[in-house]
Amino acid sequence: MQARSLLPLVVLAVVRMATAVDLAPNDELVRGQTASIVQNGTQQSMSIDQRGHANQAQAVQNGQGQSGDLSQAGWGNVASLQQVGEANNAQLSQVGIGNQMQVAQTGSGNQAMVTQSGRDNRADITQTGSGLNVSVVQSGNGNQALVRQGGR
């Protein structure tokens, strides 16, 4: 019988460390973005797209068939969306520095479109009811909008 030599088995483990710094598609350094989506119910859809630095986005959807898109580009923008009910939709966009928006929709079939570009703009939108529509466009600096709608 011929002797066999046993070769030692070597296991190589590669460990990859993740960092808190990311690069955007254009190789821009991205830091400090936070995004949160909470969905309860059925058939909910929400997307958040952030580019830049220190932007914050939060979306909460309860009920059925809520949908939304939220985009942020720039620095230090803050957006909050809350939708409760059925088939509400929000299209939110921030471009610039230090913009803030808060959108709350309760009921069914409500639509909100809010666009901010520039610096230090503020929008606070509340819709309670059904079939309500709001559109707010802020461009420039230091604009403020407060909208309260109810009915149907």
N, C-alpha and C. Protein backbone atom coordinates (compact mmCIF):
# COMPACT_ATOMS: atom_id res chain seq x y z
N MET A 1 0.83 -1.16 0.00
CA MET A 1 0.00 0.00 0.00
C MET A 1 0.88 1.23 0.00
N GLN A 2 0.50 2.12 -0.81
CA GLN A 2 1.29 3.32 -0.98
C GLN A 2 0.83 4.39 0.02
N ALA A 3 1.77 5.08 0.63
CA ALA A 3 1.43 6.11 1.62
C ALA A 3 0.97 7.37 0.91
N ARG A 4 -0.07 7.95 1.44
CA ARG A 4 -0.58 9.22 0.89
C ARG A 4 -0.15 10.35 1.80
N SER A 5 0.21 11.41 1.17
CA SER A 5 0.54 12.55 2.01
C SER A 5 -0.69 13.45 2.10
N LEU A 6 -0.94 13.89 3.27
CA LEU A 6 -2.07 14.78 3.51
C LEU A 6 -1.59 16.21 3.51
N LEU A 7 -2.21 17.01 2.66
CA LEU A 7 -1.86 18.42 2.61
C LEU A 7 -2.78 19.17 3.57
N PRO A 8 -2.23 20.09 4.27
CA PRO A 8 -3.08 20.84 5.19
C PRO A 8 -4.10 21.68 4.40
N LEU A 9 -5.29 21.75 4.92
CA LEU A 9 -6.36 22.54 4.33
C LEU A 9 -6.24 23.97 4.85
N VAL A 10 -6.19 24.90 3.93
CA VAL A 10 -6.06 26.30 4.30
C VAL A 10 -7.36 27.01 3.95
N VAL A 11 -7.90 27.70 4.93
CA VAL A 11 -9.13 28.46 4.73
C VAL A 11 -8.76 29.94 4.78
N LEU A 12 -9.13 30.61 3.74
CA LEU A 12 -8.86 32.04 3.66
C LEU A 12 -10.19 32.78 3.82
N ALA A 13 -10.27 33.61 4.80
CA ALA A 13 -11.48 34.39 5.04
C ALA A 13 -11.21 35.84 4.65
N VAL A 14 -12.08 36.38 3.86
CA VAL A 14 -11.97 37.77 3.47
C VAL A 14 -13.06 38.54 4.21
N VAL A 15 -12.63 39.52 4.96
CA VAL A 15 -13.56 40.34 5.72
C VAL A 15 -13.60 41.71 5.08
N ARG A 16 -14.79 42.18 4.81
CA ARG A 16 -14.94 43.48 4.19
C ARG A 16 -15.64 44.40 5.17
N MET A 17 -15.06 45.51 5.44
CA MET A 17 -15.62 46.47 6.39
C MET A 17 -16.43 47.52 5.63
N ALA A 18 -17.61 47.81 6.14
CA ALA A 18 -18.44 48.87 5.56
C ALA A 18 -18.12 50.18 6.28
N THR A 19 -18.23 51.25 5.57
CA THR A 19 -17.98 52.55 6.17
C THR A 19 -19.24 53.41 6.07
N ALA A 20 -19.27 54.46 6.81
CA ALA A 20 -20.43 55.35 6.81
C ALA A 20 -20.36 56.37 5.69
N VAL A 21 -19.33 56.32 4.89
CA VAL A 21 -19.18 57.25 3.78
C VAL A 21 -19.47 56.52 2.49
N ASP A 22 -20.23 57.15 1.61
CA ASP A 22 -20.62 56.54 0.35
C ASP A 22 -20.32 57.54 -0.76
N LEU A 23 -20.26 57.05 -1.96
CA LEU A 23 -20.08 57.93 -3.10
C LEU A 23 -21.33 57.89 -3.96
N ALA A 24 -21.82 59.06 -4.34
CA ALA A 24 -22.95 59.15 -5.25
C ALA A 24 -22.46 58.76 -6.64
N PRO A 25 -23.39 58.56 -7.60
CA PRO A 25 -22.97 58.17 -8.95
C PRO A 25 -21.98 59.12 -9.60
N ASN A 26 -21.99 60.39 -9.24
CA ASN A 26 -21.05 61.35 -9.82
C ASN A 26 -19.80 61.51 -8.95
N ASP A 27 -19.54 60.53 -8.08
CA ASP A 27 -18.39 60.50 -7.19
C ASP A 27 -18.40 61.61 -6.15
N GLU A 28 -19.55 62.21 -5.90
CA GLU A 28 -19.69 63.21 -4.84
C GLU A 28 -19.75 62.47 -3.51
N LEU A 29 -19.04 62.97 -2.53
CA LEU A 29 -19.05 62.37 -1.21
C LEU A 29 -20.40 62.61 -0.54
N VAL A 30 -20.98 61.55 0.01
CA VAL A 30 -22.30 61.63 0.63
C VAL A 30 -22.16 61.27 2.10
N ARG A 31 -22.67 62.12 2.99
CA ARG A 31 -22.57 61.87 4.42
C ARG A 31 -23.87 62.22 5.13
N GLY A 32 -24.15 61.47 6.17
CA GLY A 32 -25.18 61.84 7.11
C GLY A 32 -26.62 61.81 6.62
N GLN A 33 -26.91 61.08 5.57
CA GLN A 33 -28.29 60.97 5.11
C GLN A 33 -29.05 60.05 6.05
N THR A 34 -30.30 60.37 6.35
CA THR A 34 -31.15 59.45 7.09
C THR A 34 -32.49 59.35 6.37
N ALA A 35 -32.99 58.13 6.29
CA ALA A 35 -34.29 57.89 5.66
C ALA A 35 -34.99 56.78 6.41
N SER A 36 -36.30 56.95 6.59
CA SER A 36 -37.09 55.97 7.32
C SER A 36 -38.44 55.83 6.63
N ILE A 37 -38.86 54.59 6.39
CA ILE A 37 -40.18 54.30 5.83
C ILE A 37 -40.85 53.28 6.73
N VAL A 38 -42.06 53.61 7.20
CA VAL A 38 -42.87 52.68 7.99
C VAL A 38 -44.19 52.52 7.26
N GLN A 39 -44.55 51.28 6.96
CA GLN A 39 -45.80 51.01 6.25
C GLN A 39 -46.59 49.95 6.99
N ASN A 40 -47.86 50.25 7.28
CA ASN A 40 -48.79 49.29 7.87
C ASN A 40 -49.99 49.23 6.97
N GLY A 41 -50.49 48.03 6.72
CA GLY A 41 -51.64 47.89 5.83
C GLY A 41 -51.23 47.11 4.60
N THR A 42 -51.94 47.35 3.50
CA THR A 42 -51.67 46.60 2.27
C THR A 42 -51.46 47.53 1.09
N GLN A 43 -50.74 47.05 0.11
CA GLN A 43 -50.51 47.72 -1.17
C GLN A 43 -49.94 49.13 -1.02
N GLN A 44 -48.98 49.29 -0.14
CA GLN A 44 -48.32 50.58 0.06
C GLN A 44 -47.11 50.68 -0.85
N SER A 45 -46.80 51.87 -1.31
CA SER A 45 -45.64 52.09 -2.16
C SER A 45 -45.00 53.42 -1.77
N MET A 46 -43.68 53.42 -1.54
CA MET A 46 -42.98 54.65 -1.16
C MET A 46 -41.54 54.55 -1.62
N SER A 47 -41.02 55.62 -2.21
CA SER A 47 -39.60 55.65 -2.56
C SER A 47 -38.99 56.95 -2.04
N ILE A 48 -37.75 56.84 -1.58
CA ILE A 48 -36.99 58.00 -1.12
C ILE A 48 -35.66 57.99 -1.85
N ASP A 49 -35.32 59.11 -2.48
CA ASP A 49 -34.05 59.27 -3.19
C ASP A 49 -33.34 60.47 -2.60
N GLN A 50 -32.15 60.25 -2.03
CA GLN A 50 -31.40 61.34 -1.40
C GLN A 50 -30.04 61.48 -2.04
N ARG A 51 -29.67 62.73 -2.31
CA ARG A 51 -28.34 63.05 -2.85
C ARG A 51 -27.87 64.31 -2.14
N GLY A 52 -26.63 64.29 -1.71
CA GLY A 52 -26.09 65.46 -1.03
C GLY A 52 -25.62 65.11 0.37
N HIS A 53 -25.84 66.02 1.31
CA HIS A 53 -25.32 65.86 2.66
C HIS A 53 -26.40 66.17 3.70
N ALA A 54 -26.45 65.37 4.74
CA ALA A 54 -27.25 65.64 5.94
C ALA A 54 -28.75 65.85 5.68
N ASN A 55 -29.28 65.22 4.65
CA ASN A 55 -30.72 65.28 4.40
C ASN A 55 -31.43 64.25 5.27
N GLN A 56 -32.65 64.57 5.68
CA GLN A 56 -33.44 63.66 6.52
C GLN A 56 -34.81 63.49 5.90
N ALA A 57 -35.28 62.24 5.84
CA ALA A 57 -36.60 61.96 5.28
C ALA A 57 -37.27 60.88 6.10
N GLN A 58 -38.57 61.08 6.34
CA GLN A 58 -39.34 60.09 7.08
C GLN A 58 -40.71 59.98 6.42
N ALA A 59 -41.17 58.73 6.22
CA ALA A 59 -42.50 58.49 5.65
C ALA A 59 -43.20 57.42 6.47
N VAL A 60 -44.46 57.69 6.82
CA VAL A 60 -45.28 56.73 7.54
C VAL A 60 -46.58 56.60 6.75
N GLN A 61 -46.94 55.37 6.41
CA GLN A 61 -48.17 55.11 5.67
C GLN A 61 -48.97 54.03 6.38
N ASN A 62 -50.22 54.34 6.67
CA ASN A 62 -51.13 53.39 7.31
C ASN A 62 -52.39 53.30 6.47
N GLY A 63 -52.92 52.10 6.33
CA GLY A 63 -54.15 51.93 5.58
C GLY A 63 -53.93 51.06 4.37
N GLN A 64 -54.47 51.51 3.24
CA GLN A 64 -54.40 50.70 2.03
C GLN A 64 -54.13 51.57 0.81
N GLY A 65 -53.22 51.12 -0.03
CA GLY A 65 -52.99 51.76 -1.32
C GLY A 65 -52.37 53.14 -1.29
N GLN A 66 -51.64 53.48 -0.23
CA GLN A 66 -50.95 54.77 -0.18
C GLN A 66 -49.73 54.70 -1.11
N SER A 67 -49.36 55.84 -1.69
CA SER A 67 -48.16 55.86 -2.53
C SER A 67 -47.46 57.21 -2.39
N GLY A 68 -46.18 57.20 -2.65
CA GLY A 68 -45.44 58.45 -2.58
C GLY A 68 -44.04 58.34 -3.13
N ASP A 69 -43.52 59.47 -3.55
CA ASP A 69 -42.13 59.63 -3.99
C ASP A 69 -41.58 60.86 -3.30
N LEU A 70 -40.39 60.72 -2.72
CA LEU A 70 -39.75 61.84 -2.03
C LEU A 70 -38.31 61.90 -2.52
N SER A 71 -37.91 63.05 -3.04
CA SER A 71 -36.52 63.21 -3.48
C SER A 71 -35.92 64.44 -2.82
N GLN A 72 -34.64 64.29 -2.47
CA GLN A 72 -33.90 65.38 -1.83
C GLN A 72 -32.53 65.49 -2.48
N ALA A 73 -32.12 66.70 -2.78
CA ALA A 73 -30.78 66.96 -3.28
C ALA A 73 -30.30 68.25 -2.63
N GLY A 74 -29.09 68.22 -2.14
CA GLY A 74 -28.56 69.41 -1.49
C GLY A 74 -28.06 69.09 -0.10
N TRP A 75 -28.28 70.03 0.81
CA TRP A 75 -27.71 69.88 2.15
C TRP A 75 -28.72 70.31 3.21
N GLY A 76 -28.90 69.46 4.22
CA GLY A 76 -29.69 69.80 5.39
C GLY A 76 -31.18 69.95 5.16
N ASN A 77 -31.72 69.30 4.15
CA ASN A 77 -33.16 69.34 3.92
C ASN A 77 -33.85 68.32 4.82
N VAL A 78 -35.09 68.64 5.26
CA VAL A 78 -35.85 67.75 6.15
C VAL A 78 -37.25 67.60 5.58
N ALA A 79 -37.70 66.36 5.43
CA ALA A 79 -39.04 66.10 4.92
C ALA A 79 -39.71 65.02 5.75
N SER A 80 -41.01 65.24 6.03
CA SER A 80 -41.80 64.28 6.78
C SER A 80 -43.14 64.10 6.07
N LEU A 81 -43.52 62.84 5.85
CA LEU A 81 -44.78 62.52 5.20
C LEU A 81 -45.53 61.52 6.06
N GLN A 82 -46.81 61.82 6.31
CA GLN A 82 -47.67 60.86 7.01
C GLN A 82 -48.96 60.74 6.21
N GLN A 83 -49.30 59.51 5.84
CA GLN A 83 -50.53 59.25 5.10
C GLN A 83 -51.32 58.16 5.82
N VAL A 84 -52.57 58.47 6.15
CA VAL A 84 -53.44 57.53 6.85
C VAL A 84 -54.75 57.45 6.08
N GLY A 85 -55.19 56.25 5.80
CA GLY A 85 -56.46 56.09 5.09
C GLY A 85 -56.29 55.18 3.90
N GLU A 86 -56.78 55.67 2.75
CA GLU A 86 -56.80 54.84 1.57
C GLU A 86 -56.51 55.66 0.31
N ALA A 87 -55.60 55.16 -0.50
CA ALA A 87 -55.31 55.71 -1.83
C ALA A 87 -54.88 57.17 -1.83
N ASN A 88 -54.14 57.59 -0.82
CA ASN A 88 -53.54 58.93 -0.82
C ASN A 88 -52.22 58.87 -1.57
N ASN A 89 -51.82 59.99 -2.18
CA ASN A 89 -50.59 60.03 -2.97
C ASN A 89 -49.86 61.34 -2.68
N ALA A 90 -48.54 61.26 -2.58
CA ALA A 90 -47.72 62.46 -2.37
C ALA A 90 -46.49 62.42 -3.26
N GLN A 91 -46.19 63.53 -3.89
CA GLN A 91 -45.00 63.72 -4.70
C GLN A 91 -44.24 64.89 -4.09
N LEU A 92 -43.11 64.63 -3.43
CA LEU A 92 -42.39 65.64 -2.68
C LEU A 92 -40.97 65.77 -3.21
N SER A 93 -40.50 67.01 -3.34
CA SER A 93 -39.16 67.25 -3.87
C SER A 93 -38.52 68.44 -3.17
N GLN A 94 -37.26 68.27 -2.79
CA GLN A 94 -36.48 69.35 -2.19
C GLN A 94 -35.12 69.43 -2.88
N VAL A 95 -34.76 70.62 -3.31
CA VAL A 95 -33.44 70.87 -3.90
C VAL A 95 -32.92 72.15 -3.28
N GLY A 96 -31.76 72.08 -2.67
CA GLY A 96 -31.19 73.28 -2.08
C GLY A 96 -30.65 73.03 -0.69
N ILE A 97 -30.75 74.04 0.17
CA ILE A 97 -30.14 73.99 1.49
C ILE A 97 -31.17 74.38 2.55
N GLY A 98 -31.31 73.54 3.58
CA GLY A 98 -32.10 73.88 4.75
C GLY A 98 -33.60 73.99 4.53
N ASN A 99 -34.13 73.36 3.51
CA ASN A 99 -35.57 73.38 3.29
C ASN A 99 -36.26 72.39 4.22
N GLN A 100 -37.49 72.70 4.62
CA GLN A 100 -38.25 71.81 5.51
C GLN A 100 -39.68 71.68 4.99
N MET A 101 -40.19 70.45 5.03
CA MET A 101 -41.60 70.24 4.69
C MET A 101 -42.19 69.15 5.57
N GLN A 102 -43.45 69.36 5.89
CA GLN A 102 -44.20 68.38 6.65
C GLN A 102 -45.55 68.24 5.95
N VAL A 103 -45.87 67.01 5.54
CA VAL A 103 -47.11 66.75 4.82
C VAL A 103 -47.85 65.64 5.55
N ALA A 104 -49.14 65.90 5.88
CA ALA A 104 -49.98 64.90 6.54
C ALA A 104 -51.30 64.81 5.78
N GLN A 105 -51.66 63.59 5.38
CA GLN A 105 -52.92 63.37 4.68
C GLN A 105 -53.69 62.27 5.40
N THR A 106 -54.94 62.57 5.74
CA THR A 106 -55.81 61.59 6.39
C THR A 106 -57.11 61.54 5.61
N GLY A 107 -57.55 60.35 5.25
CA GLY A 107 -58.78 60.20 4.48
C GLY A 107 -58.52 59.31 3.29
N SER A 108 -59.17 59.63 2.16
CA SER A 108 -58.98 58.80 0.98
C SER A 108 -58.91 59.64 -0.28
N GLY A 109 -58.06 59.20 -1.19
CA GLY A 109 -57.95 59.84 -2.50
C GLY A 109 -57.38 61.24 -2.49
N ASN A 110 -56.61 61.59 -1.49
CA ASN A 110 -55.98 62.91 -1.43
C ASN A 110 -54.68 62.92 -2.21
N GLN A 111 -54.35 64.09 -2.78
CA GLN A 111 -53.14 64.26 -3.57
C GLN A 111 -52.36 65.46 -3.04
N ALA A 112 -51.06 65.30 -2.89
CA ALA A 112 -50.20 66.42 -2.49
C ALA A 112 -48.96 66.45 -3.36
N MET A 113 -48.66 67.62 -3.91
CA MET A 113 -47.42 67.82 -4.65
C MET A 113 -46.74 69.04 -4.05
N VAL A 114 -45.56 68.84 -3.49
CA VAL A 114 -44.82 69.94 -2.87
C VAL A 114 -43.40 69.94 -3.44
N THR A 115 -42.99 71.09 -3.96
CA THR A 115 -41.65 71.24 -4.54
C THR A 115 -40.99 72.45 -3.90
N GLN A 116 -39.79 72.24 -3.39
CA GLN A 116 -39.01 73.33 -2.82
C GLN A 116 -37.65 73.38 -3.50
N SER A 117 -37.26 74.57 -3.92
CA SER A 117 -35.90 74.76 -4.43
C SER A 117 -35.40 76.10 -3.90
N GLY A 118 -34.17 76.09 -3.50
CA GLY A 118 -33.60 77.30 -2.90
C GLY A 118 -33.10 77.01 -1.51
N ARG A 119 -33.32 77.98 -0.63
CA ARG A 119 -32.76 77.88 0.72
C ARG A 119 -33.79 78.30 1.77
N ASP A 120 -33.83 77.52 2.85
CA ASP A 120 -34.61 77.85 4.05
C ASP A 120 -36.10 78.07 3.77
N ASN A 121 -36.69 77.28 2.89
CA ASN A 121 -38.12 77.33 2.64
C ASN A 121 -38.83 76.41 3.63
N ARG A 122 -40.09 76.75 4.00
CA ARG A 122 -40.88 75.97 4.95
C ARG A 122 -42.25 75.71 4.37
N ALA A 123 -42.71 74.44 4.44
CA ALA A 123 -44.06 74.10 4.01
C ALA A 123 -44.66 73.15 5.03
N ASP A 124 -45.89 73.45 5.46
CA ASP A 124 -46.61 72.62 6.42
C ASP A 124 -48.00 72.39 5.83
N ILE A 125 -48.27 71.17 5.39
CA ILE A 125 -49.49 70.84 4.67
C ILE A 125 -50.26 69.78 5.45
N THR A 126 -51.56 70.02 5.70
CA THR A 126 -52.42 69.03 6.33
C THR A 126 -53.72 68.93 5.53
N GLN A 127 -54.06 67.73 5.11
CA GLN A 127 -55.31 67.47 4.41
C GLN A 127 -56.08 66.39 5.17
N THR A 128 -57.33 66.69 5.52
CA THR A 128 -58.17 65.74 6.23
C THR A 128 -59.50 65.65 5.50
N GLY A 129 -59.79 64.50 4.94
CA GLY A 129 -61.02 64.32 4.19
C GLY A 129 -60.77 63.42 2.99
N SER A 130 -61.54 63.63 1.94
CA SER A 130 -61.43 62.78 0.75
C SER A 130 -61.40 63.62 -0.51
N GLY A 131 -60.59 63.18 -1.47
CA GLY A 131 -60.52 63.84 -2.77
C GLY A 131 -59.93 65.23 -2.75
N LEU A 132 -59.09 65.53 -1.79
CA LEU A 132 -58.47 66.86 -1.69
C LEU A 132 -57.17 66.89 -2.49
N ASN A 133 -56.86 68.06 -3.06
CA ASN A 133 -55.63 68.23 -3.84
C ASN A 133 -54.92 69.50 -3.38
N VAL A 134 -53.61 69.40 -3.26
CA VAL A 134 -52.81 70.58 -2.94
C VAL A 134 -51.54 70.54 -3.78
N SER A 135 -51.12 71.71 -4.25
CA SER A 135 -49.87 71.85 -4.97
C SER A 135 -49.17 73.09 -4.44
N VAL A 136 -47.96 72.92 -3.94
CA VAL A 136 -47.17 74.04 -3.42
C VAL A 136 -45.82 74.01 -4.12
N VAL A 137 -45.44 75.13 -4.72
CA VAL A 137 -44.13 75.26 -5.35
C VAL A 137 -43.45 76.45 -4.72
N GLN A 138 -42.30 76.21 -4.11
CA GLN A 138 -41.52 77.28 -3.50
C GLN A 138 -40.16 77.32 -4.19
N SER A 139 -39.79 78.49 -4.72
CA SER A 139 -38.45 78.65 -5.27
C SER A 139 -37.90 79.97 -4.75
N GLY A 140 -36.62 79.98 -4.51
CA GLY A 140 -36.01 81.15 -3.89
C GLY A 140 -35.66 80.83 -2.45
N ASN A 141 -35.61 81.86 -1.63
CA ASN A 141 -35.16 81.69 -0.25
C ASN A 141 -36.19 82.21 0.75
N GLY A 142 -36.33 81.49 1.87
CA GLY A 142 -37.13 81.96 2.99
C GLY A 142 -38.63 81.98 2.78
N ASN A 143 -39.15 81.21 1.83
CA ASN A 143 -40.60 81.15 1.61
C ASN A 143 -41.26 80.30 2.68
N GLN A 144 -42.52 80.63 3.02
CA GLN A 144 -43.27 79.84 3.99
C GLN A 144 -44.67 79.59 3.46
N ALA A 145 -45.14 78.33 3.62
CA ALA A 145 -46.49 77.98 3.21
C ALA A 145 -47.14 77.14 4.31
N LEU A 146 -48.38 77.51 4.64
CA LEU A 146 -49.17 76.76 5.61
C LEU A 146 -50.51 76.49 4.95
N VAL A 147 -50.84 75.18 4.74
CA VAL A 147 -52.07 74.81 4.08
C VAL A 147 -52.80 73.81 4.96
N ARG A 148 -54.09 74.12 5.27
CA ARG A 148 -54.96 73.21 6.01
C ARG A 148 -56.22 73.02 5.18
N GLN A 149 -56.51 71.79 4.78
CA GLN A 149 -57.70 71.50 4.01
C GLN A 149 -58.50 70.39 4.66
N GLY A 150 -59.83 70.52 4.62
CA GLY A 150 -60.69 69.47 5.13
C GLY A 150 -61.99 69.46 4.35
N GLY A 151 -62.64 68.31 4.34
CA GLY A 151 -63.92 68.25 3.67
C GLY A 151 -64.21 66.92 3.03
N ARG A 152 -65.36 66.88 2.41
CA ARG A 152 -65.93 65.71 1.74
C ARG A 152 -65.99 64.55 2.65
